[in-house]
C-alpha cells in the first residue's frame, strides 16, 4: 500500500515588519467574491513567521508554510524567499 503524503498549505505574501528577533510579520492578500453582490473583494491576513537567520527585510516576497508550534506566536515558518526588495 502506498504511503499518503501530508499536504501542507503554503501562502505567499509580503514582509511588513521585521522588528522582532527571528520573527517576521507577513501580509497575505486574497480575493473573495461577495456572495450577494458578486463584487470581488480584496482581503488580507497577517501571519507571524519564523526566520531563523534574520535575513528578511520589509518588502520581501516570501512563501510560508504552517508548522506545529515554533514558538509562542509564530505558527508558520519561512519556506523560501520569492523576491527581495532592492533599495537604491
Protein backbone atom coordinates (compact mmCIF):
# COMPACT_ATOMS: atom_id res chain seq x y z
CA UNK A 1 0.00 0.00 0.00
CA UNK A 2 1.32 3.46 -0.91
CA UNK A 3 2.01 5.95 1.83
CA UNK A 4 -0.21 9.01 1.91
CA UNK A 5 1.81 12.22 1.88
CA UNK A 6 0.67 15.06 4.07
CA UNK A 7 -0.47 18.10 2.07
CA UNK A 8 0.88 21.34 3.52
CA UNK A 9 -0.71 24.70 2.87
CA UNK A 10 1.67 27.34 1.55
CA UNK A 11 0.93 31.04 1.44
CA UNK A 12 2.71 33.81 -0.47
CA UNK A 13 2.89 37.29 0.99
CA UNK A 14 4.94 40.39 1.67
CA UNK A 15 7.01 41.05 4.79
CA UNK A 16 5.59 44.12 6.52
CA UNK A 17 7.63 44.02 9.75
CA UNK A 18 10.95 42.50 10.80
CA UNK A 19 11.40 44.30 14.12
CA UNK A 20 11.19 41.12 16.21
CA UNK A 21 14.12 38.77 16.73
CA UNK A 22 13.91 35.76 14.35
CA UNK A 23 10.25 36.55 13.57
CA UNK A 24 8.68 38.47 10.69
CA UNK A 25 5.12 39.60 10.04
CA UNK A 26 3.84 38.56 6.61
CA UNK A 27 0.78 40.14 4.95
CA UNK A 28 -1.03 37.58 2.78
CA UNK A 29 -3.65 39.03 0.39
CA UNK A 30 -6.56 37.07 -1.07
CA UNK A 31 -9.52 37.84 -3.34
CA UNK A 32 -13.04 36.71 -2.43
CA UNK A 33 -16.24 37.10 -4.40
CA UNK A 34 -19.06 38.64 -2.35
CA UNK A 35 -21.89 36.08 -2.09
CA UNK A 36 -24.74 38.54 -2.64
CA UNK A 37 -23.39 41.40 -4.73
CA UNK A 38 -20.82 39.42 -6.72
CA UNK A 39 -18.10 42.06 -6.46
CA UNK A 40 -14.54 40.82 -5.89
CA UNK A 41 -13.25 41.98 -2.51
CA UNK A 42 -9.57 42.07 -1.57
CA UNK A 43 -8.96 40.79 1.96
CA UNK A 44 -5.67 40.22 3.75
CA UNK A 45 -4.36 38.35 6.78
CA UNK A 46 -1.21 38.86 8.82
CA UNK A 47 0.87 35.90 9.97
CA UNK A 48 3.93 35.73 12.19
CA UNK A 49 6.59 33.54 10.57
CA UNK A 50 9.84 32.18 11.97
CA UNK A 51 13.01 33.49 10.27
CA UNK A 52 15.95 31.56 11.68
CA UNK A 53 18.74 33.64 10.08
CA UNK A 54 17.17 37.11 10.45
CA UNK A 55 17.82 37.71 6.75
CA UNK A 56 14.46 39.12 5.62
CA UNK A 57 13.69 42.80 5.20
CA UNK A 58 10.49 44.75 4.80
CA UNK A 59 9.00 44.45 1.32
CA UNK A 60 10.44 40.98 0.56
CA UNK A 61 8.04 38.50 -1.04
CA UNK A 62 8.16 35.15 0.79
CA UNK A 63 6.37 31.83 0.81
CA UNK A 64 5.44 30.47 4.23
CA UNK A 65 4.08 27.13 5.35
CA UNK A 66 2.32 26.03 8.54
CA UNK A 67 4.32 24.11 11.14
CA UNK A 68 3.44 22.73 14.53
CA UNK A 69 4.34 25.37 17.10
CA UNK A 70 7.70 27.03 16.52
CA UNK A 71 7.34 29.46 19.41
CA UNK A 72 4.67 31.49 21.20
CA UNK A 73 3.20 33.47 18.28
CA UNK A 74 4.81 32.17 15.10
CA UNK A 75 2.93 29.13 13.81
CA UNK A 76 4.29 29.45 10.26
CA UNK A 77 7.84 29.14 9.06
CA UNK A 78 9.68 30.54 6.08
CA UNK A 79 9.73 28.12 3.17
CA UNK A 80 11.77 30.22 0.76
CA UNK A 81 12.35 33.77 -0.39
CA UNK A 82 10.42 34.53 -3.59
CA UNK A 83 11.65 38.04 -4.34
CA UNK A 84 13.91 40.50 -2.48
CA UNK A 85 13.17 44.21 -2.40
CA UNK A 86 16.17 46.15 -3.72
CA UNK A 87 16.60 49.66 -2.39
CA UNK A 88 18.78 52.02 -4.40
